[in-house]
C-alpha cells in the first residue's frame, strides 16, 4: 500500500469516527431526556393519585356536612307541631276574649292572660328552631316551614362546606392522569429514538444515516410534544 492509499483510508475513516461520536452524544442526550420525561410521568401520576384521594375525602366530608345540616332541618320539623299548637291556642283564646270583652270583661281578661301564656310557650319553642322559622301568609293560615330553603340557607352559611370542591378536585385528577399517560407515550417515543440511534452506530454506512435521521426526528418530536404537554398541563 502506498502512502497516498494510506492517507486516503485515514481520511475516509475520520468522517465515520466523527459520525459515531455525534451519534454517541445524541444517544446520551436522548437517554437523559427520556429519563427526565419518565420521572415527570411518575411525579404527575403521584399528583393524580393524591388528587384522587383528596377528591374522595372532600366528597365524603361534603356528604357528612350535608347529612348533619339535614338532621338540623329535620329537628326543626319536629318542633313545628307543638310550636303551631301554642300559636293557634293563643289565637283562639284571644278570639274568645274579644267575644266576651263587652259582656264579661273579667273572663275576657283571664282569656287574654291565658293567650299570653300560650305565646310565651310558643316563643320558648321558637328558640329551638336552628335553620329557619315557620311563617304564615296571614294570622289564620297554618304555619309553613320551607325545609328545602332552610337547608339551602344552612349550606350557604357553612364555611367548611363552601371550601369543599370535590368535583373540581376530581377534574384536576383526571387532567393529571391524562398528562401522565401522554408523558408515558413520549417515553416510548424517546425509546424509539434510542433504538434508531443505536442501529445507526452498528449498521452499514449506506443505511446508518437513515437510522440516525429517524432517531433525530423521533427525539425532536418527543421534545416538541413534551413542551406541548407541559404547556397544556400548566
C-alpha atoms as a PDB file:
ATOM      1  CA  UNK A   1       0.000   0.000   0.000  1.00  0.00           C
ATOM      2  CA  UNK A   2       1.366   3.359  -0.960  1.00  0.00           C
ATOM      3  CA  UNK A   3       1.474   6.411   1.259  1.00  0.00           C
ATOM      4  CA  UNK A   4      -1.303   8.006  -0.831  1.00  0.00           C
ATOM      5  CA  UNK A   5      -3.565   4.996  -0.326  1.00  0.00           C
ATOM      6  CA  UNK A   6      -2.922   5.104   3.436  1.00  0.00           C
ATOM      7  CA  UNK A   7      -3.746   8.790   3.630  1.00  0.00           C
ATOM      8  CA  UNK A   8      -6.942   8.179   1.661  1.00  0.00           C
ATOM      9  CA  UNK A   9      -8.006   5.412   4.037  1.00  0.00           C
ATOM     10  CA  UNK A  10      -7.363   7.605   7.104  1.00  0.00           C
ATOM     11  CA  UNK A  11      -9.308  10.495   5.611  1.00  0.00           C
ATOM     12  CA  UNK A  12     -12.251   8.163   4.850  1.00  0.00           C
ATOM     13  CA  UNK A  13     -12.224   6.816   8.385  1.00  0.00           C
ATOM     14  CA  UNK A  14     -12.203  10.195  10.098  1.00  0.00           C
ATOM     15  CA  UNK A  15     -15.743  11.209   8.980  1.00  0.00           C
ATOM     16  CA  UNK A  16     -17.064   7.852  10.139  1.00  0.00           C
ATOM     17  CA  UNK A  17     -15.423   8.310  13.529  1.00  0.00           C
ATOM     18  CA  UNK A  18     -16.893  11.782  13.856  1.00  0.00           C
ATOM     19  CA  UNK A  19     -20.309  10.433  12.836  1.00  0.00           C
ATOM     20  CA  UNK A  20     -20.206   7.743  15.516  1.00  0.00           C
ATOM     21  CA  UNK A  21     -19.058  10.289  18.073  1.00  0.00           C
ATOM     22  CA  UNK A  22     -22.018  12.561  17.338  1.00  0.00           C
ATOM     23  CA  UNK A  23     -24.376   9.604  17.413  1.00  0.00           C
ATOM     24  CA  UNK A  24     -22.982   8.562  20.795  1.00  0.00           C
ATOM     25  CA  UNK A  25     -23.518  12.086  22.107  1.00  0.00           C
ATOM     26  CA  UNK A  26     -27.068  12.052  20.725  1.00  0.00           C
ATOM     27  CA  UNK A  27     -27.727   8.721  22.445  1.00  0.00           C
ATOM     28  CA  UNK A  28     -26.573  10.171  25.768  1.00  0.00           C
ATOM     29  CA  UNK A  29     -28.724  13.295  25.361  1.00  0.00           C
ATOM     30  CA  UNK A  30     -31.804  11.320  24.323  1.00  0.00           C
ATOM     31  CA  UNK A  31     -31.275   8.920  27.237  1.00  0.00           C
ATOM     32  CA  UNK A  32     -31.210  11.830  29.668  1.00  0.00           C
ATOM     33  CA  UNK A  33     -34.313  13.401  28.112  1.00  0.00           C
ATOM     34  CA  UNK A  34     -36.153  10.088  28.213  1.00  0.00           C
ATOM     35  CA  UNK A  35     -35.255   9.632  31.881  1.00  0.00           C
ATOM     36  CA  UNK A  36     -36.460  13.150  32.703  1.00  0.00           C
ATOM     37  CA  UNK A  37     -39.762  12.595  30.905  1.00  0.00           C
ATOM     38  CA  UNK A  38     -40.224   9.233  32.637  1.00  0.00           C
ATOM     39  CA  UNK A  39     -39.555  10.874  36.005  1.00  0.00           C
ATOM     40  CA  UNK A  40     -42.051  13.635  35.149  1.00  0.00           C
ATOM     41  CA  UNK A  41     -44.651  10.996  34.280  1.00  0.00           C
ATOM     42  CA  UNK A  42     -44.101   9.326  37.658  1.00  0.00           C
ATOM     43  CA  UNK A  43     -44.462  12.604  39.551  1.00  0.00           C
ATOM     44  CA  UNK A  44     -47.562  13.531  37.575  1.00  0.00           C
ATOM     45  CA  UNK A  45     -49.179  10.171  38.311  1.00  0.00           C
ATOM     46  CA  UNK A  46     -48.392  10.622  42.003  1.00  0.00           C
ATOM     47  CA  UNK A  47     -50.085  14.033  41.899  1.00  0.00           C
ATOM     48  CA  UNK A  48     -53.095  12.472  40.162  1.00  0.00           C
ATOM     49  CA  UNK A  49     -53.422   9.792  42.835  1.00  0.00           C
ATOM     50  CA  UNK A  50     -53.087  12.390  45.582  1.00  0.00           C
ATOM     51  CA  UNK A  51     -55.866  14.427  43.975  1.00  0.00           C
ATOM     52  CA  UNK A  52     -57.978  11.277  43.646  1.00  0.00           C
ATOM     53  CA  UNK A  53     -57.623  10.664  47.375  1.00  0.00           C
ATOM     54  CA  UNK A  54     -58.340  14.293  48.217  1.00  0.00           C
ATOM     55  CA  UNK A  55     -61.442  14.239  45.998  1.00  0.00           C
ATOM     56  CA  UNK A  56     -62.745  11.142  47.798  1.00  0.00           C
ATOM     57  CA  UNK A  57     -62.091  12.690  51.198  1.00  0.00           C
ATOM     58  CA  UNK A  58     -63.703  16.002  50.224  1.00  0.00           C
ATOM     59  CA  UNK A  59     -66.760  14.239  48.799  1.00  0.00           C
ATOM     60  CA  UNK A  60     -67.124  12.195  51.982  1.00  0.00           C
ATOM     61  CA  UNK A  61     -66.706  15.288  54.153  1.00  0.00           C
ATOM     62  CA  UNK A  62     -69.185  17.202  51.993  1.00  0.00           C
ATOM     63  CA  UNK A  63     -71.796  14.460  52.310  1.00  0.00           C
ATOM     64  CA  UNK A  64     -71.262  14.286  56.069  1.00  0.00           C
ATOM     65  CA  UNK A  65     -71.805  18.024  56.471  1.00  0.00           C
ATOM     66  CA  UNK A  66     -74.949  17.951  54.312  1.00  0.00           C
ATOM     67  CA  UNK A  67     -76.270  14.999  56.342  1.00  0.00           C
ATOM     68  CA  UNK A  68     -75.694  16.922  59.575  1.00  0.00           C
ATOM     69  CA  UNK A  69     -77.413  20.010  58.170  1.00  0.00           C
ATOM     70  CA  UNK A  70     -80.347  17.893  57.000  1.00  0.00           C
ATOM     71  CA  UNK A  71     -80.603  16.493  60.532  1.00  0.00           C
ATOM     72  CA  UNK A  72     -80.870  20.083  61.809  1.00  0.00           C
ATOM     73  CA  UNK A  73     -83.743  20.763  59.406  1.00  0.00           C
ATOM     74  CA  UNK A  74     -85.458  17.515  60.419  1.00  0.00           C
ATOM     75  CA  UNK A  75     -85.164  18.561  64.050  1.00  0.00           C
ATOM     76  CA  UNK A  76     -86.836  21.868  63.214  1.00  0.00           C
ATOM     77  CA  UNK A  77     -89.702  19.995  61.577  1.00  0.00           C
ATOM     78  CA  UNK A  78     -90.277  18.049  64.797  1.00  0.00           C
ATOM     79  CA  UNK A  79     -90.673  21.334  66.665  1.00  0.00           C
ATOM     80  CA  UNK A  80     -93.200  22.682  64.173  1.00  0.00           C
ATOM     81  CA  UNK A  81     -96.296  20.901  65.530  1.00  0.00           C
ATOM     82  CA  UNK A  82     -96.007  21.921  69.224  1.00  0.00           C
ATOM     83  CA  UNK A  83     -94.989  25.452  68.213  1.00  0.00           C
ATOM     84  CA  UNK A  84     -98.019  25.747  65.977  1.00  0.00           C
ATOM     85  CA  UNK A  85    -100.327  24.357  68.696  1.00  0.00           C
ATOM     86  CA  UNK A  86     -99.330  27.129  71.094  1.00  0.00           C
ATOM     87  CA  UNK A  87     -99.706  29.787  68.392  1.00  0.00           C
ATOM     88  CA  UNK A  88    -103.167  28.548  67.465  1.00  0.00           C
ATOM     89  CA  UNK A  89    -104.161  28.225  71.135  1.00  0.00           C
ATOM     90  CA  UNK A  90    -103.175  31.856  71.719  1.00  0.00           C
ATOM     91  CA  UNK A  91    -105.179  32.965  68.680  1.00  0.00           C
ATOM     92  CA  UNK A  92    -108.220  31.000  69.799  1.00  0.00           C
ATOM     93  CA  UNK A  93    -108.080  32.387  73.353  1.00  0.00           C
ATOM     94  CA  UNK A  94    -107.700  35.931  72.037  1.00  0.00           C
ATOM     95  CA  UNK A  95    -110.731  35.448  69.807  1.00  0.00           C
ATOM     96  CA  UNK A  96    -112.793  34.164  72.748  1.00  0.00           C
ATOM     97  CA  UNK A  97    -111.632  37.035  74.922  1.00  0.00           C
ATOM     98  CA  UNK A  98    -112.643  39.542  72.256  1.00  0.00           C
ATOM     99  CA  UNK A  99    -116.091  37.975  72.045  1.00  0.00           C
ATOM    100  CA  UNK A 100    -116.560  38.261  75.843  1.00  0.00           C
ATOM    101  CA  UNK A 101    -114.986  41.692  76.211  1.00  0.00           C
ATOM    102  CA  UNK A 102    -118.303  43.600  76.361  1.00  0.00           C
ATOM    103  CA  UNK A 103    -120.361  41.072  78.292  1.00  0.00           C
ATOM    104  CA  UNK A 104    -117.809  39.594  80.701  1.00  0.00           C
ATOM    105  CA  UNK A 105    -114.668  41.721  80.971  1.00  0.00           C
ATOM    106  CA  UNK A 106    -113.256  39.605  83.801  1.00  0.00           C
ATOM    107  CA  UNK A 107    -113.426  36.392  81.796  1.00  0.00           C
ATOM    108  CA  UNK A 108    -112.040  38.229  78.770  1.00  0.00           C
ATOM    109  CA  UNK A 109    -109.042  39.418  80.798  1.00  0.00           C
ATOM    110  CA  UNK A 110    -108.441  35.886  82.036  1.00  0.00           C
ATOM    111  CA  UNK A 111    -108.585  34.542  78.498  1.00  0.00           C
ATOM    112  CA  UNK A 112    -106.152  37.222  77.330  1.00  0.00           C
ATOM    113  CA  UNK A 113    -103.787  36.203  80.139  1.00  0.00           C
ATOM    114  CA  UNK A 114    -104.040  32.565  79.084  1.00  0.00           C
ATOM    115  CA  UNK A 115    -103.378  33.592  75.481  1.00  0.00           C
ATOM    116  CA  UNK A 116    -100.267  35.452  76.570  1.00  0.00           C
ATOM    117  CA  UNK A 117     -99.093  32.336  78.406  1.00  0.00           C
ATOM    118  CA  UNK A 118     -99.523  30.364  75.197  1.00  0.00           C
ATOM    119  CA  UNK A 119     -97.496  32.939  73.327  1.00  0.00           C
ATOM    120  CA  UNK A 120     -94.737  32.688  75.924  1.00  0.00           C
ATOM    121  CA  UNK A 121     -94.690  28.926  75.429  1.00  0.00           C
ATOM    122  CA  UNK A 122     -94.649  29.437  71.664  1.00  0.00           C
ATOM    123  CA  UNK A 123     -91.632  31.734  71.966  1.00  0.00           C
ATOM    124  CA  UNK A 124     -89.850  29.138  74.069  1.00  0.00           C
ATOM    125  CA  UNK A 125     -90.410  26.579  71.288  1.00  0.00           C
ATOM    126  CA  UNK A 126     -89.342  29.167  68.746  1.00  0.00           C
ATOM    127  CA  UNK A 127     -85.913  29.224  70.346  1.00  0.00           C
ATOM    128  CA  UNK A 128     -85.364  25.611  69.357  1.00  0.00           C
ATOM    129  CA  UNK A 129     -85.512  26.337  65.619  1.00  0.00           C
ATOM    130  CA  UNK A 130     -81.972  26.486  64.228  1.00  0.00           C
ATOM    131  CA  UNK A 131     -82.300  26.553  60.446  1.00  0.00           C
ATOM    132  CA  UNK A 132     -85.318  28.776  59.860  1.00  0.00           C
ATOM    133  CA  UNK A 133     -88.532  29.981  61.497  1.00  0.00           C
ATOM    134  CA  UNK A 134     -92.018  28.913  60.399  1.00  0.00           C
ATOM    135  CA  UNK A 135     -94.123  31.526  58.630  1.00  0.00           C
ATOM    136  CA  UNK A 136     -97.735  32.075  57.622  1.00  0.00           C
ATOM    137  CA  UNK A 137     -99.374  34.134  54.909  1.00  0.00           C
ATOM    138  CA  UNK A 138    -101.925  35.503  57.413  1.00  0.00           C
ATOM    139  CA  UNK A 139    -102.929  35.090  61.058  1.00  0.00           C
ATOM    140  CA  UNK A 140    -105.419  32.299  60.364  1.00  0.00           C
ATOM    141  CA  UNK A 141    -103.325  30.271  57.898  1.00  0.00           C
ATOM    142  CA  UNK A 142    -101.338  27.214  59.044  1.00  0.00           C
ATOM    143  CA  UNK A 143     -97.665  27.772  59.677  1.00  0.00           C
ATOM    144  CA  UNK A 144     -95.316  26.648  56.926  1.00  0.00           C
ATOM    145  CA  UNK A 145     -91.715  25.548  57.107  1.00  0.00           C
ATOM    146  CA  UNK A 146     -89.758  25.523  53.832  1.00  0.00           C
ATOM    147  CA  UNK A 147     -87.352  22.667  54.535  1.00  0.00           C
ATOM    148  CA  UNK A 148     -85.607  22.974  51.156  1.00  0.00           C
ATOM    149  CA  UNK A 149     -84.932  26.694  51.581  1.00  0.00           C
ATOM    150  CA  UNK A 150     -83.811  26.144  55.174  1.00  0.00           C
ATOM    151  CA  UNK A 151     -81.303  23.503  54.089  1.00  0.00           C
ATOM    152  CA  UNK A 152     -80.021  25.749  51.302  1.00  0.00           C
ATOM    153  CA  UNK A 153     -79.510  28.581  53.788  1.00  0.00           C
ATOM    154  CA  UNK A 154     -77.564  26.326  56.119  1.00  0.00           C
ATOM    155  CA  UNK A 155     -75.383  25.111  53.258  1.00  0.00           C
ATOM    156  CA  UNK A 156     -74.704  28.663  52.058  1.00  0.00           C
ATOM    157  CA  UNK A 157     -73.700  29.768  55.557  1.00  0.00           C
ATOM    158  CA  UNK A 158     -71.467  26.788  56.293  1.00  0.00           C
ATOM    159  CA  UNK A 159     -67.881  27.921  55.671  1.00  0.00           C
ATOM    160  CA  UNK A 160     -66.449  24.383  55.762  1.00  0.00           C
ATOM    161  CA  UNK A 161     -68.906  23.209  53.118  1.00  0.00           C
ATOM    162  CA  UNK A 162     -68.206  26.194  50.876  1.00  0.00           C
ATOM    163  CA  UNK A 163     -64.495  25.394  50.897  1.00  0.00           C
ATOM    164  CA  UNK A 164     -65.013  21.842  49.646  1.00  0.00           C
ATOM    165  CA  UNK A 165     -64.853  21.367  45.870  1.00  0.00           C
ATOM    166  CA  UNK A 166     -64.715  17.594  45.257  1.00  0.00           C
ATOM    167  CA  UNK A 167     -65.893  17.888  41.636  1.00  0.00           C
ATOM    168  CA  UNK A 168     -63.159  20.392  40.810  1.00  0.00           C
ATOM    169  CA  UNK A 169     -60.573  18.207  42.542  1.00  0.00           C
ATOM    170  CA  UNK A 170     -61.701  15.180  40.522  1.00  0.00           C
ATOM    171  CA  UNK A 171     -61.423  17.215  37.315  1.00  0.00           C
ATOM    172  CA  UNK A 172     -57.849  18.154  38.253  1.00  0.00           C
ATOM    173  CA  UNK A 173     -57.080  14.492  38.955  1.00  0.00           C
ATOM    174  CA  UNK A 174     -58.441  13.471  35.544  1.00  0.00           C
ATOM    175  CA  UNK A 175     -56.275  16.116  33.897  1.00  0.00           C
ATOM    176  CA  UNK A 176     -53.203  14.822  35.725  1.00  0.00           C
ATOM    177  CA  UNK A 177     -53.992  11.226  34.741  1.00  0.00           C
ATOM    178  CA  UNK A 178     -54.247  12.280  31.103  1.00  0.00           C
ATOM    179  CA  UNK A 179     -50.985  14.212  31.346  1.00  0.00           C
ATOM    180  CA  UNK A 180     -49.277  11.173  32.874  1.00  0.00           C
ATOM    181  CA  UNK A 181     -50.499   8.911  30.064  1.00  0.00           C
ATOM    182  CA  UNK A 182     -49.240  11.404  27.484  1.00  0.00           C
ATOM    183  CA  UNK A 183     -45.830  11.545  29.146  1.00  0.00           C
ATOM    184  CA  UNK A 184     -45.596   7.761  29.168  1.00  0.00           C
ATOM    185  CA  UNK A 185     -46.335   7.849  25.430  1.00  0.00           C
ATOM    186  CA  UNK A 186     -43.487  10.313  24.976  1.00  0.00           C
ATOM    187  CA  UNK A 187     -41.128   7.963  26.810  1.00  0.00           C
ATOM    188  CA  UNK A 188     -41.963   5.384  24.168  1.00  0.00           C
ATOM    189  CA  UNK A 189     -41.016   7.915  21.515  1.00  0.00           C
ATOM    190  CA  UNK A 190     -37.629   8.530  23.157  1.00  0.00           C
ATOM    191  CA  UNK A 191     -37.070   4.764  23.386  1.00  0.00           C
ATOM    192  CA  UNK A 192     -37.721   4.543  19.644  1.00  0.00           C
ATOM    193  CA  UNK A 193     -35.230   7.354  19.070  1.00  0.00           C
ATOM    194  CA  UNK A 194     -32.612   5.445  21.093  1.00  0.00           C
ATOM    195  CA  UNK A 195     -33.261   2.329  19.044  1.00  0.00           C
ATOM    196  CA  UNK A 196     -32.737   4.162  15.764  1.00  0.00           C
ATOM    197  CA  UNK A 197     -29.585   5.887  17.029  1.00  0.00           C
ATOM    198  CA  UNK A 198     -28.175   2.592  18.291  1.00  0.00           C
ATOM    199  CA  UNK A 199     -28.782   0.993  14.905  1.00  0.00           C
ATOM    200  CA  UNK A 200     -27.012   3.968  13.331  1.00  0.00           C
ATOM    201  CA  UNK A 201     -23.925   3.047  15.344  1.00  0.00           C
ATOM    202  CA  UNK A 202     -23.662  -0.547  14.132  1.00  0.00           C
ATOM    203  CA  UNK A 203     -25.312  -0.842  10.705  1.00  0.00           C
ATOM    204  CA  UNK A 204     -23.656  -0.469   7.325  1.00  0.00           C
ATOM    205  CA  UNK A 205     -22.551   3.001   6.251  1.00  0.00           C
ATOM    206  CA  UNK A 206     -25.097   3.022   3.444  1.00  0.00           C
ATOM    207  CA  UNK A 207     -28.087   2.938   5.803  1.00  0.00           C
ATOM    208  CA  UNK A 208     -26.745   4.215   9.130  1.00  0.00           C
ATOM    209  CA  UNK A 209     -27.505   7.830   8.239  1.00  0.00           C
ATOM    210  CA  UNK A 210     -31.115   6.881   7.578  1.00  0.00           C
ATOM    211  CA  UNK A 211     -31.375   5.392  11.075  1.00  0.00           C
ATOM    212  CA  UNK A 212     -29.636   8.436  12.542  1.00  0.00           C
ATOM    213  CA  UNK A 213     -32.121  10.727  10.805  1.00  0.00           C
ATOM    214  CA  UNK A 214     -35.063   8.676  12.047  1.00  0.00           C
ATOM    215  CA  UNK A 215     -33.677   8.827  15.574  1.00  0.00           C
ATOM    216  CA  UNK A 216     -33.212  12.572  15.345  1.00  0.00           C
ATOM    217  CA  UNK A 217     -36.768  13.071  14.072  1.00  0.00           C
ATOM    218  CA  UNK A 218     -38.177  10.897  16.868  1.00  0.00           C
ATOM    219  CA  UNK A 219     -36.152  12.753  19.512  1.00  0.00           C
ATOM    220  CA  UNK A 220     -37.081  16.220  18.246  1.00  0.00           C
ATOM    221  CA  UNK A 221     -40.732  15.181  18.006  1.00  0.00           C
ATOM    222  CA  UNK A 222     -40.574  13.898  21.575  1.00  0.00           C
ATOM    223  CA  UNK A 223     -39.122  17.171  22.853  1.00  0.00           C
ATOM    224  CA  UNK A 224     -41.709  19.229  20.943  1.00  0.00           C
ATOM    225  CA  UNK A 225     -44.615  17.125  22.225  1.00  0.00           C
ATOM    226  CA  UNK A 226     -43.190  17.256  25.743  1.00  0.00           C
ATOM    227  CA  UNK A 227     -43.288  21.038  25.656  1.00  0.00           C
ATOM    228  CA  UNK A 228     -46.880  20.889  24.416  1.00  0.00           C
ATOM    229  CA  UNK A 229     -47.880  18.553  27.258  1.00  0.00           C
ATOM    230  CA  UNK A 230     -46.186  20.824  29.813  1.00  0.00           C
ATOM    231  CA  UNK A 231     -47.948  23.879  28.397  1.00  0.00           C
ATOM    232  CA  UNK A 232     -51.360  22.192  28.435  1.00  0.00           C
ATOM    233  CA  UNK A 233     -50.817  20.904  31.953  1.00  0.00           C
ATOM    234  CA  UNK A 234     -49.709  24.277  33.313  1.00  0.00           C
END
